[in-house]
Amino acid sequence: MDMFIFVVNLLGTIAFAASGAMIGLNKRMDIFGVCILGLTTATGGGVIRDLILGVTPPMAFRDPTSAMVALVTSAVFFSHRVRRLLMYSPTLYNQLLFWMDTLGLGAFTVIGVELAFSQAAAPTFYLLVFVGTLTGVGGGVIRDLLAQEVPYIFVKHIYACASLVGAMLCAGMWNHVNRMDAMVVGMASVVIIRVLAAHYHWNLPKAKL
């Protein structure tokens, strides 16, 4: 189980660092800006999660592994060959950004549920779902604010809602099936909802003048 959690967390870290770095590239940031955006996207949600759970200092500051992975991933995306490939192929850029955001969202949503269950004294269903969703979307919100964008969760097809459903499924199954199975189902549901929303152009109603 520990190895599974490590792999899921690593997947989420790489995916979200890549999405943050790609936004930085699109904003024509220098390597420092790209790496900081990748780092905050990959670790921001976890820092907020730990503060809510009373885990201080947050794990991102106690174990540098996630930060180092995020920085290396961001640097790779800034490399000349990768940067040139992405910037001259909008289709590849958009597809890769979508998948990195989707995988990171699914991975961190279930990681948030798992850590809320293990760290909270009396984890309620509401707490598990809230922390799971916040862990999933938190890094992306910080990324968009730093990049001076309207946060992705407010304008793009089903994003936070996908995380919410994944967290609810994972938390609801937690005490009834193997925990690994609960995490797999939760993560898979996030990915499936995001893919269906993108394919069928599902969106929540938007405010119109």
C-alpha atoms as a PDB file:
ATOM      1  CA  MET A   1       0.000   0.000   0.000  1.00  0.00           C
ATOM      2  CA  ASP A   2       2.816   2.424   0.831  1.00  0.00           C
ATOM      3  CA  MET A   3       4.419   1.792  -2.569  1.00  0.00           C
ATOM      4  CA  PHE A   4       1.080   2.350  -4.306  1.00  0.00           C
ATOM      5  CA  ILE A   5       0.584   5.668  -2.521  1.00  0.00           C
ATOM      6  CA  PHE A   6       4.141   6.684  -3.402  1.00  0.00           C
ATOM      7  CA  VAL A   7       3.536   5.912  -7.095  1.00  0.00           C
ATOM      8  CA  VAL A   8       0.210   7.786  -7.184  1.00  0.00           C
ATOM      9  CA  ASN A   9       1.764  10.783  -5.434  1.00  0.00           C
ATOM     10  CA  LEU A  10       4.716  10.714  -7.844  1.00  0.00           C
ATOM     11  CA  LEU A  11       2.345  10.567 -10.817  1.00  0.00           C
ATOM     12  CA  GLY A  12       0.365  13.508  -9.490  1.00  0.00           C
ATOM     13  CA  THR A  13       3.512  15.520  -8.794  1.00  0.00           C
ATOM     14  CA  ILE A  14       4.937  15.003 -12.283  1.00  0.00           C
ATOM     15  CA  ALA A  15       1.594  15.677 -13.969  1.00  0.00           C
ATOM     16  CA  PHE A  16       0.831  18.880 -12.077  1.00  0.00           C
ATOM     17  CA  ALA A  17       4.424  20.137 -12.358  1.00  0.00           C
ATOM     18  CA  ALA A  18       4.184  19.597 -16.111  1.00  0.00           C
ATOM     19  CA  SER A  19       0.894  21.500 -16.330  1.00  0.00           C
ATOM     20  CA  GLY A  20       2.298  24.381 -14.304  1.00  0.00           C
ATOM     21  CA  ALA A  21       5.443  24.504 -16.423  1.00  0.00           C
ATOM     22  CA  MET A  22       3.361  24.496 -19.619  1.00  0.00           C
ATOM     23  CA  ILE A  23       1.298  27.454 -18.428  1.00  0.00           C
ATOM     24  CA  GLY A  24       4.561  29.228 -17.628  1.00  0.00           C
ATOM     25  CA  LEU A  25       5.873  28.518 -21.126  1.00  0.00           C
ATOM     26  CA  ASN A  26       2.684  29.826 -22.666  1.00  0.00           C
ATOM     27  CA  LYS A  27       3.109  33.013 -20.618  1.00  0.00           C
ATOM     28  CA  ARG A  28       6.690  33.363 -21.935  1.00  0.00           C
ATOM     29  CA  MET A  29       8.206  33.143 -18.436  1.00  0.00           C
ATOM     30  CA  ASP A  30      11.897  32.586 -17.847  1.00  0.00           C
ATOM     31  CA  ILE A  31      13.205  29.326 -16.393  1.00  0.00           C
ATOM     32  CA  PHE A  32      12.783  30.573 -12.828  1.00  0.00           C
ATOM     33  CA  GLY A  33       9.144  31.470 -13.422  1.00  0.00           C
ATOM     34  CA  VAL A  34       8.437  28.162 -15.166  1.00  0.00           C
ATOM     35  CA  CYS A  35      10.005  26.160 -12.343  1.00  0.00           C
ATOM     36  CA  ILE A  36       8.198  28.131  -9.625  1.00  0.00           C
ATOM     37  CA  LEU A  37       4.882  27.689 -11.410  1.00  0.00           C
ATOM     38  CA  GLY A  38       5.517  23.958 -11.771  1.00  0.00           C
ATOM     39  CA  LEU A  39       6.564  23.681  -8.123  1.00  0.00           C
ATOM     40  CA  THR A  40       3.568  25.544  -6.727  1.00  0.00           C
ATOM     41  CA  THR A  41       1.134  23.599  -8.907  1.00  0.00           C
ATOM     42  CA  ALA A  42       2.574  20.293  -7.727  1.00  0.00           C
ATOM     43  CA  THR A  43       2.835  21.134  -4.023  1.00  0.00           C
ATOM     44  CA  GLY A  44       0.331  23.928  -3.389  1.00  0.00           C
ATOM     45  CA  GLY A  45      -2.712  21.731  -2.837  1.00  0.00           C
ATOM     46  CA  GLY A  46      -0.785  19.483  -0.468  1.00  0.00           C
ATOM     47  CA  VAL A  47       0.434  22.431   1.600  1.00  0.00           C
ATOM     48  CA  ILE A  48      -3.125  23.749   2.009  1.00  0.00           C
ATOM     49  CA  ARG A  49      -4.316  20.229   2.867  1.00  0.00           C
ATOM     50  CA  ASP A  50      -1.677  19.763   5.554  1.00  0.00           C
ATOM     51  CA  LEU A  51      -2.443  23.117   7.144  1.00  0.00           C
ATOM     52  CA  ILE A  52      -6.135  22.215   7.350  1.00  0.00           C
ATOM     53  CA  LEU A  53      -5.285  18.847   8.909  1.00  0.00           C
ATOM     54  CA  GLY A  54      -2.875  20.438  11.374  1.00  0.00           C
ATOM     55  CA  VAL A  55       0.184  18.753   9.865  1.00  0.00           C
ATOM     56  CA  THR A  56       2.897  21.323  10.474  1.00  0.00           C
ATOM     57  CA  PRO A  57       5.253  21.956   8.953  1.00  0.00           C
ATOM     58  CA  PRO A  58       3.572  20.645   5.762  1.00  0.00           C
ATOM     59  CA  MET A  59       5.091  17.493   4.271  1.00  0.00           C
ATOM     60  CA  ALA A  60       6.384  19.424   1.259  1.00  0.00           C
ATOM     61  CA  PHE A  61       8.803  21.209   3.613  1.00  0.00           C
ATOM     62  CA  ARG A  62       9.825  18.088   5.531  1.00  0.00           C
ATOM     63  CA  ASP A  63      10.526  15.808   2.581  1.00  0.00           C
ATOM     64  CA  PRO A  64      12.074  17.533  -0.458  1.00  0.00           C
ATOM     65  CA  THR A  65      11.346  14.618  -2.813  1.00  0.00           C
ATOM     66  CA  SER A  66       8.157  16.088  -4.319  1.00  0.00           C
ATOM     67  CA  ALA A  67       9.732  19.524  -4.686  1.00  0.00           C
ATOM     68  CA  MET A  68      12.794  18.107  -6.436  1.00  0.00           C
ATOM     69  CA  VAL A  69      10.656  15.998  -8.790  1.00  0.00           C
ATOM     70  CA  ALA A  70       8.534  19.056  -9.609  1.00  0.00           C
ATOM     71  CA  LEU A  71      11.581  21.238 -10.290  1.00  0.00           C
ATOM     72  CA  VAL A  72      13.257  18.623 -12.493  1.00  0.00           C
ATOM     73  CA  THR A  73      10.020  18.073 -14.431  1.00  0.00           C
ATOM     74  CA  SER A  74       9.626  21.825 -14.947  1.00  0.00           C
ATOM     75  CA  ALA A  75      13.230  22.160 -16.107  1.00  0.00           C
ATOM     76  CA  VAL A  76      12.743  19.339 -18.617  1.00  0.00           C
ATOM     77  CA  PHE A  77       9.716  21.106 -20.065  1.00  0.00           C
ATOM     78  CA  PHE A  78      11.734  24.323 -20.307  1.00  0.00           C
ATOM     79  CA  SER A  79      14.473  22.573 -22.273  1.00  0.00           C
ATOM     80  CA  HIS A  80      14.846  23.922 -25.798  1.00  0.00           C
ATOM     81  CA  ARG A  81      13.630  20.815 -27.628  1.00  0.00           C
ATOM     82  CA  VAL A  82      10.508  20.276 -25.527  1.00  0.00           C
ATOM     83  CA  ARG A  83       9.701  23.983 -25.380  1.00  0.00           C
ATOM     84  CA  ARG A  84       9.984  24.354 -29.140  1.00  0.00           C
ATOM     85  CA  LEU A  85       7.848  21.260 -29.760  1.00  0.00           C
ATOM     86  CA  LEU A  86       5.040  22.479 -27.505  1.00  0.00           C
ATOM     87  CA  MET A  87       5.056  26.109 -28.598  1.00  0.00           C
ATOM     88  CA  TYR A  88       4.893  25.262 -32.297  1.00  0.00           C
ATOM     89  CA  SER A  89       2.163  22.658 -31.925  1.00  0.00           C
ATOM     90  CA  PRO A  90      -0.951  24.112 -30.276  1.00  0.00           C
ATOM     91  CA  THR A  91      -2.807  20.821 -30.625  1.00  0.00           C
ATOM     92  CA  LEU A  92      -0.079  18.895 -28.814  1.00  0.00           C
ATOM     93  CA  TYR A  93       0.133  21.628 -26.180  1.00  0.00           C
ATOM     94  CA  ASN A  94      -3.611  21.566 -25.474  1.00  0.00           C
ATOM     95  CA  GLN A  95      -3.841  17.776 -25.421  1.00  0.00           C
ATOM     96  CA  LEU A  96      -0.838  17.348 -23.154  1.00  0.00           C
ATOM     97  CA  LEU A  97      -2.033  20.100 -20.812  1.00  0.00           C
ATOM     98  CA  PHE A  98      -5.448  18.443 -20.590  1.00  0.00           C
ATOM     99  CA  TRP A  99      -3.999  15.029 -19.738  1.00  0.00           C
ATOM    100  CA  MET A 100      -1.465  16.358 -17.249  1.00  0.00           C
ATOM    101  CA  ASP A 101      -4.170  18.362 -15.488  1.00  0.00           C
ATOM    102  CA  THR A 102      -6.532  15.389 -15.516  1.00  0.00           C
ATOM    103  CA  LEU A 103      -4.026  12.845 -14.183  1.00  0.00           C
ATOM    104  CA  GLY A 104      -2.774  15.259 -11.531  1.00  0.00           C
ATOM    105  CA  LEU A 105      -6.326  16.045 -10.458  1.00  0.00           C
ATOM    106  CA  GLY A 106      -7.251  12.370 -10.106  1.00  0.00           C
ATOM    107  CA  ALA A 107      -4.066  11.404  -8.298  1.00  0.00           C
ATOM    108  CA  PHE A 108      -4.089  14.239  -5.775  1.00  0.00           C
ATOM    109  CA  THR A 109      -7.809  13.916  -5.084  1.00  0.00           C
ATOM    110  CA  VAL A 110      -7.423  10.359  -3.788  1.00  0.00           C
ATOM    111  CA  ILE A 111      -4.120  11.169  -2.054  1.00  0.00           C
ATOM    112  CA  GLY A 112      -5.992  13.896  -0.195  1.00  0.00           C
ATOM    113  CA  VAL A 113      -8.662  11.431   0.923  1.00  0.00           C
ATOM    114  CA  GLU A 114      -6.033   8.940   2.086  1.00  0.00           C
ATOM    115  CA  LEU A 115      -4.084  11.509   4.085  1.00  0.00           C
ATOM    116  CA  ALA A 116      -7.232  12.989   5.622  1.00  0.00           C
ATOM    117  CA  PHE A 117      -8.213   9.504   6.795  1.00  0.00           C
ATOM    118  CA  SER A 118      -4.779   8.755   8.246  1.00  0.00           C
ATOM    119  CA  GLN A 119      -4.099  12.177   9.815  1.00  0.00           C
ATOM    120  CA  ALA A 120      -7.488  13.272  11.175  1.00  0.00           C
ATOM    121  CA  ALA A 121      -8.494  12.124  14.659  1.00  0.00           C
ATOM    122  CA  ALA A 122     -12.109  11.482  13.646  1.00  0.00           C
ATOM    123  CA  PRO A 123     -12.362  11.629   9.839  1.00  0.00           C
ATOM    124  CA  THR A 124     -15.936  12.267   8.719  1.00  0.00           C
ATOM    125  CA  PHE A 125     -17.205  11.734   5.182  1.00  0.00           C
ATOM    126  CA  TYR A 126     -17.469  15.495   4.745  1.00  0.00           C
ATOM    127  CA  LEU A 127     -13.878  16.046   5.866  1.00  0.00           C
ATOM    128  CA  LEU A 128     -12.549  13.334   3.560  1.00  0.00           C
ATOM    129  CA  VAL A 129     -14.400  14.745   0.547  1.00  0.00           C
ATOM    130  CA  PHE A 130     -13.509  18.353   1.340  1.00  0.00           C
ATOM    131  CA  VAL A 131      -9.813  17.649   1.844  1.00  0.00           C
ATOM    132  CA  GLY A 132      -9.652  15.339  -1.181  1.00  0.00           C
ATOM    133  CA  THR A 133     -11.214  17.934  -3.473  1.00  0.00           C
ATOM    134  CA  LEU A 134      -9.107  20.765  -2.076  1.00  0.00           C
ATOM    135  CA  THR A 135      -5.925  18.739  -2.554  1.00  0.00           C
ATOM    136  CA  GLY A 136      -6.933  18.049  -6.143  1.00  0.00           C
ATOM    137  CA  VAL A 137      -7.778  21.594  -7.199  1.00  0.00           C
ATOM    138  CA  GLY A 138      -5.635  23.692  -4.827  1.00  0.00           C
ATOM    139  CA  GLY A 139      -2.403  23.624  -6.800  1.00  0.00           C
ATOM    140  CA  GLY A 140      -4.161  24.524 -10.036  1.00  0.00           C
ATOM    141  CA  VAL A 141      -5.869  27.506  -8.423  1.00  0.00           C
ATOM    142  CA  ILE A 142      -2.531  28.825  -7.115  1.00  0.00           C
ATOM    143  CA  ARG A 143      -0.974  28.261 -10.553  1.00  0.00           C
ATOM    144  CA  ASP A 144      -3.685  30.225 -12.336  1.00  0.00           C
ATOM    145  CA  LEU A 145      -3.561  33.095  -9.859  1.00  0.00           C
ATOM    146  CA  LEU A 146       0.215  33.387 -10.219  1.00  0.00           C
ATOM    147  CA  ALA A 147      -0.176  33.290 -14.002  1.00  0.00           C
ATOM    148  CA  GLN A 148      -2.874  35.983 -13.770  1.00  0.00           C
ATOM    149  CA  GLU A 149      -5.541  33.720 -15.209  1.00  0.00           C
ATOM    150  CA  VAL A 150      -9.101  33.131 -14.058  1.00  0.00           C
ATOM    151  CA  PRO A 151      -8.761  29.870 -12.066  1.00  0.00           C
ATOM    152  CA  TYR A 152      -9.316  26.866 -14.326  1.00  0.00           C
ATOM    153  CA  ILE A 153     -11.939  25.411 -11.978  1.00  0.00           C
ATOM    154  CA  PHE A 154     -14.278  28.339 -12.621  1.00  0.00           C
ATOM    155  CA  VAL A 155     -14.277  28.433 -16.406  1.00  0.00           C
ATOM    156  CA  LYS A 156     -13.298  25.089 -17.928  1.00  0.00           C
ATOM    157  CA  HIS A 157     -15.386  21.999 -18.507  1.00  0.00           C
ATOM    158  CA  ILE A 158     -16.175  19.949 -15.422  1.00  0.00           C
ATOM    159  CA  TYR A 159     -13.027  20.181 -13.274  1.00  0.00           C
ATOM    160  CA  ALA A 160     -13.723  20.679  -9.583  1.00  0.00           C
ATOM    161  CA  CYS A 161     -16.928  18.657  -9.987  1.00  0.00           C
ATOM    162  CA  ALA A 162     -14.906  15.711 -11.295  1.00  0.00           C
ATOM    163  CA  SER A 163     -12.622  15.937  -8.265  1.00  0.00           C
ATOM    164  CA  LEU A 164     -15.658  16.147  -5.973  1.00  0.00           C
ATOM    165  CA  VAL A 165     -17.200  12.988  -7.441  1.00  0.00           C
ATOM    166  CA  GLY A 166     -13.886  11.122  -7.248  1.00  0.00           C
ATOM    167  CA  ALA A 167     -13.410  12.151  -3.616  1.00  0.00           C
ATOM    168  CA  MET A 168     -16.961  11.098  -2.735  1.00  0.00           C
ATOM    169  CA  LEU A 169     -16.548   7.673  -4.326  1.00  0.00           C
ATOM    170  CA  CYS A 170     -13.162   7.112  -2.720  1.00  0.00           C
ATOM    171  CA  ALA A 171     -14.342   8.254   0.720  1.00  0.00           C
ATOM    172  CA  GLY A 172     -17.622   6.332   0.484  1.00  0.00           C
ATOM    173  CA  MET A 173     -15.842   3.075  -0.377  1.00  0.00           C
ATOM    174  CA  TRP A 174     -13.003   3.566   2.113  1.00  0.00           C
ATOM    175  CA  ASN A 175     -14.297   1.340   4.917  1.00  0.00           C
ATOM    176  CA  HIS A 176     -16.053  -1.174   2.680  1.00  0.00           C
ATOM    177  CA  VAL A 177     -13.392  -2.334   0.218  1.00  0.00           C
ATOM    178  CA  ASN A 178      -9.633  -2.543  -0.014  1.00  0.00           C
ATOM    179  CA  ARG A 179      -8.279   1.008   0.287  1.00  0.00           C
ATOM    180  CA  MET A 180      -6.221   0.624  -2.853  1.00  0.00           C
ATOM    181  CA  ASP A 181      -9.386  -0.290  -4.763  1.00  0.00           C
ATOM    182  CA  ALA A 182     -11.160   2.752  -3.338  1.00  0.00           C
ATOM    183  CA  MET A 183      -8.333   4.999  -4.537  1.00  0.00           C
ATOM    184  CA  VAL A 184      -8.255   3.404  -7.988  1.00  0.00           C
ATOM    185  CA  VAL A 185     -12.020   3.849  -8.407  1.00  0.00           C
ATOM    186  CA  GLY A 186     -11.848   7.449  -7.190  1.00  0.00           C
ATOM    187  CA  MET A 187      -8.973   8.338  -9.497  1.00  0.00           C
ATOM    188  CA  ALA A 188     -10.490   6.537 -12.490  1.00  0.00           C
ATOM    189  CA  SER A 189     -13.804   8.339 -12.011  1.00  0.00           C
ATOM    190  CA  VAL A 190     -12.063  11.724 -12.112  1.00  0.00           C
ATOM    191  CA  VAL A 191     -10.293  10.823 -15.350  1.00  0.00           C
ATOM    192  CA  ILE A 192     -13.424   9.386 -16.972  1.00  0.00           C
ATOM    193  CA  ILE A 193     -15.577  12.401 -16.075  1.00  0.00           C
ATOM    194  CA  ARG A 194     -12.934  14.808 -17.387  1.00  0.00           C
ATOM    195  CA  VAL A 195     -12.558  12.881 -20.656  1.00  0.00           C
ATOM    196  CA  LEU A 196     -16.325  12.686 -21.186  1.00  0.00           C
ATOM    197  CA  ALA A 197     -16.732  16.371 -20.337  1.00  0.00           C
ATOM    198  CA  ALA A 198     -14.055  17.336 -22.858  1.00  0.00           C
ATOM    199  CA  HIS A 199     -15.444  15.030 -25.557  1.00  0.00           C
ATOM    200  CA  TYR A 200     -19.075  16.072 -25.185  1.00  0.00           C
ATOM    201  CA  HIS A 201     -18.291  19.677 -24.216  1.00  0.00           C
ATOM    202  CA  TRP A 202     -20.049  19.456 -20.879  1.00  0.00           C
ATOM    203  CA  ASN A 203     -19.998  22.675 -18.885  1.00  0.00           C
ATOM    204  CA  LEU A 204     -21.798  24.051 -15.906  1.00  0.00           C
ATOM    205  CA  PRO A 205     -24.168  26.980 -16.593  1.00  0.00           C
ATOM    206  CA  LYS A 206     -22.261  30.247 -16.875  1.00  0.00           C
ATOM    207  CA  ALA A 207     -23.281  33.729 -15.869  1.00  0.00           C
ATOM    208  CA  LYS A 208     -24.478  35.794 -18.827  1.00  0.00           C
ATOM    209  CA  LEU A 209     -25.318  39.477 -19.043  1.00  0.00           C
END
